[in-house]
C-alpha cells in the first residue's frame, strides 16, 4: 500500500505590524493514488478586500513541529478551584 501524501491547508492573512502575510492553517488535505486531493476545512477562510478567497496546500509539517500536538504544560499557580 502506497503512503498517502498529506498537506496543511492554509489561507494568507495580512501581518498587522509589517508588510506581507502569514499563513493561517485552516485544515488538512491528502492526495490519493489517482492524484486527487481531498480537503477538510476546520474553519472557513476569510475573503480579502477584493472578495477573493485563497487557500494553499503546503507539505504537512512533522507533528513535533505542530504546537497542537504537544501537551499543555501543567498549571502551577496558587489559585484554588
N, C-alpha and C. Protein backbone atom coordinates (compact mmCIF):
# COMPACT_ATOMS: atom_id res chain seq x y z
N UNK A 1 0.83 -1.18 0.00
CA UNK A 1 0.00 0.00 0.00
C UNK A 1 0.88 1.25 0.00
N UNK A 2 0.62 2.17 -0.91
CA UNK A 2 1.40 3.39 -1.01
C UNK A 2 1.01 4.35 0.10
N UNK A 3 1.99 5.14 0.53
CA UNK A 3 1.68 6.12 1.57
C UNK A 3 0.87 7.27 0.99
N UNK A 4 0.02 7.84 1.80
CA UNK A 4 -0.83 8.95 1.38
C UNK A 4 -0.08 10.24 1.62
N UNK A 5 -0.04 11.11 0.62
CA UNK A 5 0.61 12.40 0.78
C UNK A 5 -0.34 13.32 1.53
N UNK A 6 0.16 13.97 2.58
CA UNK A 6 -0.68 14.82 3.43
C UNK A 6 -0.24 16.28 3.33
N UNK A 7 -1.21 17.17 3.51
CA UNK A 7 -0.96 18.60 3.38
C UNK A 7 -1.59 19.37 4.53
N UNK A 8 -1.01 20.55 4.81
CA UNK A 8 -1.66 21.56 5.64
C UNK A 8 -2.37 22.50 4.67
N UNK A 9 -3.64 22.80 4.93
CA UNK A 9 -4.39 23.75 4.12
C UNK A 9 -4.34 25.08 4.84
N UNK A 10 -3.83 26.12 4.16
CA UNK A 10 -3.61 27.42 4.80
C UNK A 10 -4.19 28.53 3.95
N UNK A 11 -4.51 29.64 4.61
CA UNK A 11 -5.00 30.83 3.93
C UNK A 11 -4.14 32.01 4.35
N UNK A 12 -3.85 32.94 3.44
CA UNK A 12 -3.00 34.08 3.80
C UNK A 12 -3.77 35.11 4.62
N UNK A 13 -3.13 35.65 5.62
CA UNK A 13 -3.68 36.73 6.44
C UNK A 13 -2.65 37.85 6.49
N UNK A 14 -3.08 39.10 6.41
CA UNK A 14 -2.10 40.19 6.44
C UNK A 14 -1.45 40.31 7.81
N UNK A 15 -0.15 40.64 7.78
CA UNK A 15 0.54 40.92 9.04
C UNK A 15 0.09 42.28 9.53
N UNK A 16 -0.05 42.43 10.83
CA UNK A 16 -0.58 43.66 11.40
C UNK A 16 0.47 44.75 11.57
N UNK A 17 1.70 44.39 11.86
CA UNK A 17 2.71 45.39 12.18
C UNK A 17 3.76 45.57 11.08
N UNK A 18 3.64 44.83 10.00
CA UNK A 18 4.60 44.94 8.91
C UNK A 18 3.95 44.47 7.62
N UNK A 19 4.62 44.70 6.50
CA UNK A 19 4.09 44.26 5.22
C UNK A 19 4.21 42.74 5.10
N UNK A 20 3.39 42.17 4.25
CA UNK A 20 3.44 40.74 3.99
C UNK A 20 2.26 40.00 4.58
N UNK A 21 2.34 38.68 4.50
CA UNK A 21 1.27 37.82 5.01
C UNK A 21 1.86 36.72 5.87
N UNK A 22 1.03 36.14 6.71
CA UNK A 22 1.37 34.90 7.40
C UNK A 22 0.31 33.88 7.01
N UNK A 23 0.66 32.62 7.03
CA UNK A 23 -0.22 31.56 6.56
C UNK A 23 -0.91 30.89 7.74
N UNK A 24 -2.22 31.08 7.82
CA UNK A 24 -3.04 30.53 8.89
C UNK A 24 -3.56 29.15 8.47
N UNK A 25 -3.26 28.12 9.27
CA UNK A 25 -3.70 26.76 8.94
C UNK A 25 -5.19 26.63 9.25
N UNK A 26 -5.97 26.23 8.24
CA UNK A 26 -7.42 26.10 8.41
C UNK A 26 -7.92 24.68 8.17
N UNK A 27 -7.02 23.74 7.86
CA UNK A 27 -7.48 22.38 7.63
C UNK A 27 -6.37 21.45 7.19
N UNK A 28 -6.78 20.30 6.67
CA UNK A 28 -5.87 19.25 6.21
C UNK A 28 -6.25 18.81 4.82
N UNK A 29 -5.31 18.23 4.12
CA UNK A 29 -5.59 17.68 2.82
C UNK A 29 -4.80 16.41 2.62
N UNK A 30 -5.24 15.57 1.68
CA UNK A 30 -4.48 14.37 1.34
C UNK A 30 -4.70 14.07 -0.14
N UNK A 31 -3.68 13.45 -0.75
CA UNK A 31 -3.75 13.08 -2.15
C UNK A 31 -3.84 11.56 -2.25
N UNK A 32 -4.81 11.07 -3.04
CA UNK A 32 -4.95 9.63 -3.18
C UNK A 32 -4.06 9.12 -4.32
N UNK A 33 -4.14 7.83 -4.56
CA UNK A 33 -3.29 7.20 -5.58
C UNK A 33 -3.59 7.67 -7.00
N UNK A 34 -4.76 8.27 -7.23
CA UNK A 34 -5.11 8.80 -8.55
C UNK A 34 -4.67 10.24 -8.73
N UNK A 35 -4.06 10.83 -7.70
CA UNK A 35 -3.62 12.22 -7.77
C UNK A 35 -4.70 13.22 -7.40
N UNK A 36 -5.83 12.74 -6.91
CA UNK A 36 -6.91 13.63 -6.48
C UNK A 36 -6.66 14.09 -5.05
N UNK A 37 -6.97 15.35 -4.78
CA UNK A 37 -6.75 15.91 -3.45
C UNK A 37 -8.09 16.12 -2.76
N UNK A 38 -8.18 15.64 -1.53
CA UNK A 38 -9.34 15.87 -0.68
C UNK A 38 -8.93 16.88 0.38
N UNK A 39 -9.80 17.88 0.63
CA UNK A 39 -9.52 18.93 1.60
C UNK A 39 -10.59 18.89 2.69
N UNK A 40 -10.15 18.93 3.95
CA UNK A 40 -11.04 19.02 5.10
C UNK A 40 -10.77 20.37 5.76
N UNK A 41 -11.79 21.23 5.80
CA UNK A 41 -11.63 22.53 6.43
C UNK A 41 -12.13 22.48 7.87
N UNK A 42 -11.31 22.98 8.78
CA UNK A 42 -11.68 23.08 10.18
C UNK A 42 -12.25 24.46 10.50
N UNK A 43 -11.93 25.43 9.67
CA UNK A 43 -12.52 26.76 9.75
C UNK A 43 -12.58 27.32 8.33
N UNK A 44 -13.39 28.35 8.14
CA UNK A 44 -13.57 28.90 6.81
C UNK A 44 -12.60 30.05 6.57
N UNK A 45 -12.04 30.14 5.35
CA UNK A 45 -11.15 31.26 5.03
C UNK A 45 -11.96 32.55 4.90
N UNK A 46 -11.32 33.67 5.20
CA UNK A 46 -11.97 34.98 5.11
C UNK A 46 -11.58 35.62 3.78
N UNK A 47 -12.55 36.15 3.02
CA UNK A 47 -12.21 36.82 1.76
C UNK A 47 -11.33 38.04 1.99
N UNK A 48 -10.47 38.35 1.00
CA UNK A 48 -9.65 39.55 1.09
C UNK A 48 -10.49 40.78 0.73
N UNK A 49 -9.85 41.93 0.62
CA UNK A 49 -10.57 43.18 0.33
C UNK A 49 -11.26 43.17 -1.02
N UNK A 50 -10.79 42.33 -1.96
CA UNK A 50 -11.41 42.22 -3.28
C UNK A 50 -12.48 41.13 -3.34
N UNK A 51 -12.71 40.45 -2.21
CA UNK A 51 -13.72 39.38 -2.17
C UNK A 51 -13.19 38.03 -2.59
N UNK A 52 -11.87 37.90 -2.83
CA UNK A 52 -11.28 36.62 -3.23
C UNK A 52 -10.92 35.79 -2.00
N UNK A 53 -11.11 34.48 -2.13
CA UNK A 53 -10.71 33.53 -1.09
C UNK A 53 -9.57 32.70 -1.66
N UNK A 54 -8.47 32.63 -0.91
CA UNK A 54 -7.29 31.87 -1.36
C UNK A 54 -6.95 30.83 -0.32
N UNK A 55 -6.72 29.59 -0.76
CA UNK A 55 -6.16 28.55 0.10
C UNK A 55 -4.99 27.92 -0.63
N UNK A 56 -3.98 27.53 0.12
CA UNK A 56 -2.80 26.87 -0.44
C UNK A 56 -2.58 25.57 0.31
N UNK A 57 -2.00 24.60 -0.38
CA UNK A 57 -1.63 23.34 0.23
C UNK A 57 -0.12 23.34 0.42
N UNK A 58 0.33 23.11 1.64
CA UNK A 58 1.74 23.01 1.95
C UNK A 58 2.01 21.60 2.46
N UNK A 59 3.19 21.07 2.16
CA UNK A 59 3.51 19.74 2.67
C UNK A 59 3.34 19.74 4.18
N UNK A 60 2.75 18.67 4.68
CA UNK A 60 2.46 18.56 6.11
C UNK A 60 3.73 18.67 6.93
N UNK A 61 3.67 19.51 7.96
CA UNK A 61 4.80 19.61 8.88
C UNK A 61 4.84 18.39 9.77
N UNK A 62 6.02 18.08 10.27
CA UNK A 62 6.14 16.97 11.21
C UNK A 62 5.32 17.29 12.45
N UNK A 63 4.71 16.29 13.04
CA UNK A 63 3.85 16.51 14.20
C UNK A 63 4.56 17.21 15.35
N UNK A 64 5.86 16.93 15.57
CA UNK A 64 6.54 17.59 16.68
C UNK A 64 6.71 19.08 16.43
N UNK A 65 6.57 19.55 15.17
CA UNK A 65 6.63 20.97 14.88
C UNK A 65 5.29 21.65 15.09
N UNK A 66 4.26 20.88 15.29
CA UNK A 66 2.91 21.41 15.40
C UNK A 66 2.59 21.64 16.88
N UNK A 67 2.36 22.89 17.28
CA UNK A 67 2.11 23.18 18.69
C UNK A 67 0.87 22.48 19.20
N UNK A 68 -0.09 22.15 18.32
CA UNK A 68 -1.31 21.48 18.76
C UNK A 68 -1.04 20.03 19.17
N UNK A 69 0.05 19.45 18.70
CA UNK A 69 0.36 18.06 19.02
C UNK A 69 1.07 17.92 20.36
N UNK A 70 1.52 19.04 20.94
CA UNK A 70 2.25 18.98 22.21
C UNK A 70 1.28 19.14 23.37
N UNK A 71 1.50 18.38 24.46
CA UNK A 71 0.62 18.54 25.62
C UNK A 71 0.84 19.90 26.27
N UNK A 72 -0.19 20.45 26.83
CA UNK A 72 -0.08 21.74 27.51
C UNK A 72 0.73 21.56 28.78
N UNK A 73 1.55 22.55 29.13
CA UNK A 73 2.31 22.43 30.38
C UNK A 73 1.36 22.48 31.58
N UNK A 74 1.74 21.85 32.68
CA UNK A 74 0.87 21.89 33.86
C UNK A 74 0.76 23.31 34.40
N UNK A 75 -0.40 23.62 34.94
CA UNK A 75 -0.60 24.94 35.53
C UNK A 75 -0.10 24.88 36.97
N UNK A 76 0.85 25.73 37.27
CA UNK A 76 1.44 25.75 38.60
C UNK A 76 1.19 27.13 39.21
N UNK A 77 0.02 27.29 39.80
CA UNK A 77 -0.29 28.54 40.46
C UNK A 77 -1.02 28.27 41.77
N UNK A 78 -1.33 29.30 42.49
CA UNK A 78 -1.95 29.12 43.78
C UNK A 78 -3.43 29.49 43.78
N UNK A 79 -4.06 29.51 42.61
CA UNK A 79 -5.47 29.85 42.52
C UNK A 79 -6.29 28.60 42.89
N UNK A 80 -7.08 28.65 43.97
CA UNK A 80 -7.85 27.46 44.34
C UNK A 80 -9.10 27.32 43.48
N UNK A 81 -9.45 26.08 43.19
CA UNK A 81 -10.67 25.79 42.44
C UNK A 81 -11.47 24.77 43.19
